[in-house]
Amino acid sequence: MLTDQEILTKAYSAFNARNIVEVLAVMHADVNWSNGMEGGRVRGHQGVRDYWTRQWNLVDPHVEPRGYSMEEDGSIVVDVHQVVRDLAGNVLLDGMVQHIYHIQDNLILRMDIRK
């Protein structure tokens, strides 16, 4: 069984490799995911797949976890260095953000973004 940090590290690595199948494998079937690009939320594997497919057709995001901590409610906060480039390689955004995860039964159940 993987630790929560190992699950998240695996998810970030798979996201950066554009391996949707591997990321979805560590997500609950009814995952509730923050849509950082368009606003709102997406639900379930198909919602995440559709959102990321749209995103990757417009920009080239790269997210690197820099630190992990636990909140009082049991959620995991990941300090993330985020670099977003346009498809020509120009940097659109380079900064830090926090992702807050709720993990249940070794699967990501929810992700929120704290700026």
Protein backbone atom coordinates (compact mmCIF):
# COMPACT_ATOMS: atom_id res chain seq x y z
CA MET A 1 0.00 0.00 0.00
CA LEU A 2 1.32 3.43 -0.95
CA THR A 3 1.47 6.34 1.47
CA ASP A 4 -0.56 9.46 0.67
CA GLN A 5 2.64 11.28 -0.32
CA GLU A 6 3.64 8.43 -2.66
CA ILE A 7 0.18 8.51 -4.27
CA LEU A 8 0.44 12.24 -4.87
CA THR A 9 4.04 12.08 -6.12
CA LYS A 10 2.97 9.38 -8.58
CA ALA A 11 0.02 11.53 -9.71
CA TYR A 12 2.19 14.63 -10.33
CA SER A 13 4.73 12.59 -12.28
CA ALA A 14 2.02 11.00 -14.43
CA PHE A 15 0.36 14.39 -15.03
CA ASN A 16 3.64 15.91 -16.22
CA ALA A 17 4.13 12.91 -18.52
CA ARG A 18 0.55 13.41 -19.83
CA ASN A 19 -0.30 9.87 -18.73
CA ILE A 20 -3.99 10.31 -17.91
CA VAL A 21 -4.54 6.57 -17.38
CA GLU A 22 -1.90 6.41 -14.62
CA VAL A 23 -3.25 9.50 -12.84
CA LEU A 24 -6.83 8.28 -12.99
CA ALA A 25 -5.68 4.99 -11.45
CA VAL A 26 -5.01 6.85 -8.17
CA MET A 27 -8.31 8.78 -8.25
CA HIS A 28 -11.67 7.77 -6.86
CA ALA A 29 -14.20 7.06 -9.64
CA ASP A 30 -16.27 10.05 -8.43
CA VAL A 31 -13.30 12.39 -7.82
CA ASN A 32 -14.19 16.04 -7.26
CA TRP A 33 -11.50 18.15 -8.94
CA SER A 34 -10.90 21.91 -9.02
CA ASN A 35 -10.87 23.37 -12.54
CA GLY A 36 -8.06 25.89 -12.18
CA MET A 37 -8.17 27.00 -15.80
CA GLU A 38 -11.88 27.66 -16.42
CA GLY A 39 -13.23 27.87 -12.88
CA GLY A 40 -15.66 25.58 -11.16
CA ARG A 41 -15.18 21.87 -10.64
CA VAL A 42 -15.15 18.67 -12.65
CA ARG A 43 -16.39 15.29 -11.41
CA GLY A 44 -15.36 11.74 -12.10
CA HIS A 45 -12.71 10.22 -14.30
CA GLN A 46 -14.34 11.40 -17.53
CA GLY A 47 -14.66 14.96 -16.22
CA VAL A 48 -10.95 15.07 -15.31
CA ARG A 49 -9.98 13.47 -18.64
CA ASP A 50 -12.02 16.00 -20.63
CA TYR A 51 -10.70 18.95 -18.61
CA TRP A 52 -7.05 17.96 -18.98
CA THR A 53 -7.48 17.20 -22.68
CA ARG A 54 -8.87 20.73 -23.22
CA GLN A 55 -6.11 22.22 -21.08
CA TRP A 56 -3.28 20.41 -22.86
CA ASN A 57 -4.62 21.54 -26.24
CA LEU A 58 -4.24 25.17 -25.09
CA VAL A 59 -1.24 25.28 -22.74
CA ASP A 60 1.66 23.18 -21.48
CA PRO A 61 1.50 23.04 -17.66
CA HIS A 62 4.19 21.49 -15.47
CA VAL A 63 3.68 21.02 -11.72
CA GLU A 64 6.42 20.04 -9.27
CA PRO A 65 5.59 19.23 -5.64
CA ARG A 66 7.97 21.06 -3.30
CA GLY A 67 6.54 20.17 0.10
CA TYR A 68 3.81 18.20 1.85
CA SER A 69 1.97 18.97 5.08
CA MET A 70 -1.16 17.79 6.88
CA GLU A 71 -4.11 19.99 7.83
CA GLU A 72 -6.08 19.44 11.05
CA ASP A 73 -8.96 17.94 9.06
CA GLY A 74 -6.66 15.26 7.61
CA SER A 75 -6.31 16.83 4.18
CA ILE A 76 -2.87 16.99 2.60
CA VAL A 77 -1.46 20.30 1.42
CA VAL A 78 1.10 20.20 -1.36
CA ASP A 79 3.23 23.25 -2.10
CA VAL A 80 3.55 23.19 -5.88
CA HIS A 81 5.84 25.06 -8.26
CA GLN A 82 3.71 25.59 -11.33
CA VAL A 83 5.02 26.66 -14.73
CA VAL A 84 2.52 27.14 -17.55
CA ARG A 85 3.77 27.71 -21.08
CA ASP A 86 1.91 28.41 -24.28
CA LEU A 87 2.26 25.81 -27.01
CA ALA A 88 5.18 27.78 -28.49
CA GLY A 89 7.10 27.41 -25.21
CA ASN A 90 6.65 30.96 -23.87
CA VAL A 91 6.17 31.16 -20.09
CA LEU A 92 2.68 32.41 -19.18
CA LEU A 93 2.84 31.70 -15.45
CA ASP A 94 5.64 30.74 -13.08
CA GLY A 95 4.81 30.62 -9.40
CA MET A 96 3.81 28.71 -6.31
CA VAL A 97 0.36 27.39 -5.52
CA GLN A 98 -1.06 24.99 -2.96
CA HIS A 99 -3.12 21.93 -3.83
CA ILE A 100 -5.25 20.49 -1.04
CA TYR A 101 -6.14 16.81 -1.30
CA HIS A 102 -8.59 14.53 0.44
CA ILE A 103 -7.59 10.89 0.10
CA GLN A 104 -9.83 7.98 0.99
CA ASP A 105 -8.99 4.28 0.67
CA ASN A 106 -5.71 5.16 -1.11
CA LEU A 107 -7.53 7.13 -3.80
CA ILE A 108 -7.72 10.89 -4.37
CA LEU A 109 -11.30 11.90 -3.56
CA ARG A 110 -11.01 15.71 -3.87
CA MET A 111 -8.53 18.39 -4.90
CA ASP A 112 -8.79 22.11 -4.19
CA ILE A 113 -6.48 24.97 -5.15
CA ARG A 114 -5.27 27.60 -2.69
CA LYS A 115 -3.45 30.54 -4.23
